[in-house]
Amino acid sequence: MTAKQGEGHSDDPFDGLPLLIPVPRAAKLLGISRAAAYRFASAGDLPTKRLGRRIYVVSAKLREFIETEDEAA
């Protein structure tokens, strides 16, 4: 039996995330400060999408970004 998305106890911090997450929530996932996350977003280092005046991080692209960075290290 498989757990539904958002249920169970997965070690994957991306399980159950919405498509877009606020920058402060992405900062928590990454273990960085809110200010640093906004700096990375404005520099183009985080995959973001703007809706109105708000900036969101694209969760699927964030996962790809992290995996790509791990491979480069």
N, C-alpha and C. Protein backbone atom coordinates (compact mmCIF):
# COMPACT_ATOMS: atom_id res chain seq x y z
N MET A 1 0.84 -1.17 0.00
CA MET A 1 0.00 0.00 0.00
C MET A 1 0.89 1.24 0.00
N THR A 2 0.55 2.23 -0.80
CA THR A 2 1.36 3.46 -0.84
C THR A 2 0.64 4.57 -0.10
N ALA A 3 1.42 5.47 0.48
CA ALA A 3 0.84 6.61 1.20
C ALA A 3 0.42 7.67 0.21
N LYS A 4 -0.67 8.31 0.49
CA LYS A 4 -1.11 9.42 -0.35
C LYS A 4 -0.19 10.61 -0.14
N GLN A 5 -0.18 11.50 -1.12
CA GLN A 5 0.68 12.67 -1.02
C GLN A 5 0.29 13.48 0.20
N GLY A 6 1.28 13.83 1.03
CA GLY A 6 1.02 14.62 2.21
C GLY A 6 0.70 13.78 3.43
N GLU A 7 0.56 12.44 3.27
CA GLU A 7 0.27 11.57 4.39
C GLU A 7 1.47 10.68 4.65
N GLY A 8 1.51 10.10 5.80
CA GLY A 8 2.59 9.19 6.13
C GLY A 8 3.79 9.95 6.68
N HIS A 9 4.87 9.22 6.86
CA HIS A 9 6.07 9.82 7.43
C HIS A 9 7.23 9.66 6.47
N SER A 10 7.25 10.46 5.45
CA SER A 10 8.32 10.40 4.47
C SER A 10 9.46 11.31 4.91
N ASP A 11 10.68 10.94 4.55
CA ASP A 11 11.83 11.79 4.85
C ASP A 11 12.01 12.88 3.81
N ASP A 12 11.24 12.83 2.75
CA ASP A 12 11.35 13.80 1.67
C ASP A 12 10.61 15.08 2.03
N PRO A 13 11.35 16.19 2.23
CA PRO A 13 10.69 17.45 2.61
C PRO A 13 9.82 18.04 1.49
N PHE A 14 9.92 17.49 0.28
CA PHE A 14 9.13 18.00 -0.84
C PHE A 14 7.78 17.31 -0.98
N ASP A 15 7.59 16.20 -0.25
CA ASP A 15 6.31 15.49 -0.32
C ASP A 15 5.19 16.39 0.17
N GLY A 16 4.14 16.49 -0.62
CA GLY A 16 2.96 17.24 -0.22
C GLY A 16 3.05 18.74 -0.41
N LEU A 17 4.13 19.23 -1.01
CA LEU A 17 4.25 20.67 -1.22
C LEU A 17 3.35 21.12 -2.37
N PRO A 18 2.80 22.32 -2.27
CA PRO A 18 2.07 22.86 -3.41
C PRO A 18 3.04 23.21 -4.53
N LEU A 19 2.51 23.53 -5.70
CA LEU A 19 3.37 23.86 -6.85
C LEU A 19 4.23 25.08 -6.59
N LEU A 20 3.66 26.06 -5.92
CA LEU A 20 4.40 27.28 -5.58
C LEU A 20 4.44 27.43 -4.07
N ILE A 21 5.61 27.76 -3.56
CA ILE A 21 5.73 27.98 -2.12
C ILE A 21 6.32 29.36 -1.87
N PRO A 22 5.90 30.01 -0.79
CA PRO A 22 6.46 31.32 -0.47
C PRO A 22 7.96 31.23 -0.20
N VAL A 23 8.65 32.30 -0.48
CA VAL A 23 10.11 32.33 -0.30
C VAL A 23 10.51 31.97 1.14
N PRO A 24 9.83 32.50 2.17
CA PRO A 24 10.23 32.13 3.53
C PRO A 24 10.12 30.61 3.81
N ARG A 25 9.12 29.96 3.23
CA ARG A 25 8.99 28.50 3.41
C ARG A 25 10.11 27.77 2.68
N ALA A 26 10.48 28.25 1.51
CA ALA A 26 11.61 27.66 0.79
C ALA A 26 12.90 27.84 1.59
N ALA A 27 13.03 28.99 2.24
CA ALA A 27 14.22 29.24 3.06
C ALA A 27 14.31 28.21 4.18
N LYS A 28 13.18 27.90 4.82
CA LYS A 28 13.18 26.89 5.88
C LYS A 28 13.59 25.53 5.33
N LEU A 29 13.07 25.17 4.16
CA LEU A 29 13.41 23.88 3.56
C LEU A 29 14.91 23.80 3.26
N LEU A 30 15.47 24.92 2.82
CA LEU A 30 16.88 24.95 2.45
C LEU A 30 17.81 25.15 3.65
N GLY A 31 17.24 25.57 4.77
CA GLY A 31 18.06 25.82 5.96
C GLY A 31 18.84 27.11 5.86
N ILE A 32 18.26 28.09 5.17
CA ILE A 32 18.91 29.40 5.05
C ILE A 32 17.98 30.47 5.60
N SER A 33 18.49 31.66 5.79
CA SER A 33 17.66 32.74 6.33
C SER A 33 16.69 33.24 5.26
N ARG A 34 15.65 33.88 5.73
CA ARG A 34 14.65 34.47 4.84
C ARG A 34 15.30 35.51 3.92
N ALA A 35 16.16 36.34 4.51
CA ALA A 35 16.84 37.39 3.74
C ALA A 35 17.72 36.78 2.65
N ALA A 36 18.44 35.71 3.00
CA ALA A 36 19.30 35.05 2.01
C ALA A 36 18.47 34.46 0.88
N ALA A 37 17.32 33.88 1.22
CA ALA A 37 16.45 33.31 0.20
C ALA A 37 15.96 34.39 -0.77
N TYR A 38 15.58 35.54 -0.25
CA TYR A 38 15.16 36.64 -1.12
C TYR A 38 16.31 37.14 -1.98
N ARG A 39 17.53 37.18 -1.43
CA ARG A 39 18.71 37.57 -2.22
C ARG A 39 18.94 36.59 -3.36
N PHE A 40 18.88 35.29 -3.05
CA PHE A 40 19.08 34.27 -4.08
C PHE A 40 17.99 34.35 -5.14
N ALA A 41 16.76 34.61 -4.70
CA ALA A 41 15.64 34.73 -5.64
C ALA A 41 15.84 35.92 -6.57
N SER A 42 16.24 37.06 -6.03
CA SER A 42 16.41 38.25 -6.87
C SER A 42 17.62 38.12 -7.79
N ALA A 43 18.60 37.32 -7.38
CA ALA A 43 19.78 37.09 -8.22
C ALA A 43 19.52 36.04 -9.29
N GLY A 44 18.38 35.35 -9.19
CA GLY A 44 18.06 34.31 -10.16
C GLY A 44 18.60 32.94 -9.79
N ASP A 45 19.11 32.81 -8.57
CA ASP A 45 19.66 31.53 -8.14
C ASP A 45 18.58 30.56 -7.66
N LEU A 46 17.42 31.07 -7.31
CA LEU A 46 16.29 30.22 -6.94
C LEU A 46 15.25 30.30 -8.05
N PRO A 47 14.61 29.18 -8.39
CA PRO A 47 13.59 29.19 -9.45
C PRO A 47 12.29 29.81 -8.93
N THR A 48 12.01 31.02 -9.39
CA THR A 48 10.86 31.75 -8.86
C THR A 48 9.83 32.06 -9.93
N LYS A 49 8.65 32.38 -9.44
CA LYS A 49 7.53 32.82 -10.28
C LYS A 49 6.87 33.97 -9.54
N ARG A 50 6.59 35.04 -10.27
CA ARG A 50 5.96 36.19 -9.65
C ARG A 50 4.47 36.18 -9.98
N LEU A 51 3.65 36.32 -8.94
CA LEU A 51 2.20 36.46 -9.09
C LEU A 51 1.82 37.78 -8.44
N GLY A 52 1.52 38.76 -9.28
CA GLY A 52 1.28 40.10 -8.74
C GLY A 52 2.57 40.63 -8.15
N ARG A 53 2.49 41.06 -6.90
CA ARG A 53 3.69 41.59 -6.24
C ARG A 53 4.41 40.52 -5.42
N ARG A 54 3.83 39.35 -5.34
CA ARG A 54 4.43 38.28 -4.53
C ARG A 54 5.35 37.40 -5.36
N ILE A 55 6.39 36.91 -4.69
CA ILE A 55 7.35 36.03 -5.33
C ILE A 55 7.22 34.65 -4.69
N TYR A 56 7.12 33.63 -5.53
CA TYR A 56 7.01 32.26 -5.06
C TYR A 56 8.13 31.44 -5.67
N VAL A 57 8.51 30.39 -4.97
CA VAL A 57 9.50 29.45 -5.48
C VAL A 57 8.74 28.26 -6.07
N VAL A 58 9.14 27.85 -7.26
CA VAL A 58 8.52 26.71 -7.93
C VAL A 58 9.10 25.45 -7.30
N SER A 59 8.27 24.71 -6.57
CA SER A 59 8.78 23.59 -5.77
C SER A 59 9.42 22.49 -6.62
N ALA A 60 8.85 22.15 -7.77
CA ALA A 60 9.44 21.10 -8.61
C ALA A 60 10.81 21.53 -9.13
N LYS A 61 10.94 22.77 -9.52
CA LYS A 61 12.22 23.26 -10.01
C LYS A 61 13.23 23.42 -8.88
N LEU A 62 12.72 23.70 -7.67
CA LEU A 62 13.62 23.80 -6.52
C LEU A 62 14.27 22.45 -6.26
N ARG A 63 13.48 21.38 -6.36
CA ARG A 63 14.04 20.03 -6.18
C ARG A 63 15.11 19.76 -7.24
N GLU A 64 14.81 20.09 -8.51
CA GLU A 64 15.79 19.89 -9.59
C GLU A 64 17.05 20.72 -9.32
N PHE A 65 16.87 21.95 -8.86
CA PHE A 65 17.98 22.85 -8.55
C PHE A 65 18.89 22.23 -7.50
N ILE A 66 18.29 21.70 -6.44
CA ILE A 66 19.06 21.10 -5.36
C ILE A 66 19.79 19.86 -5.84
N GLU A 67 19.09 19.01 -6.61
CA GLU A 67 19.72 17.79 -7.11
C GLU A 67 20.86 18.10 -8.07
N THR A 68 20.69 19.11 -8.90
CA THR A 68 21.73 19.51 -9.85
C THR A 68 22.94 20.05 -9.09
N GLU A 69 22.70 20.85 -8.07
CA GLU A 69 23.80 21.40 -7.26
C GLU A 69 24.57 20.28 -6.57
N ASP A 70 23.86 19.25 -6.08
CA ASP A 70 24.53 18.14 -5.42
C ASP A 70 25.45 17.40 -6.38
N GLU A 71 25.01 17.24 -7.63
CA GLU A 71 25.82 16.53 -8.61
C GLU A 71 27.06 17.31 -9.00
N ALA A 72 26.97 18.65 -8.97
CA ALA A 72 28.08 19.48 -9.37
C ALA A 72 29.16 19.53 -8.28
N ALA A 73 28.78 19.28 -7.04
CA ALA A 73 29.73 19.38 -5.93
C ALA A 73 30.63 18.18 -5.82
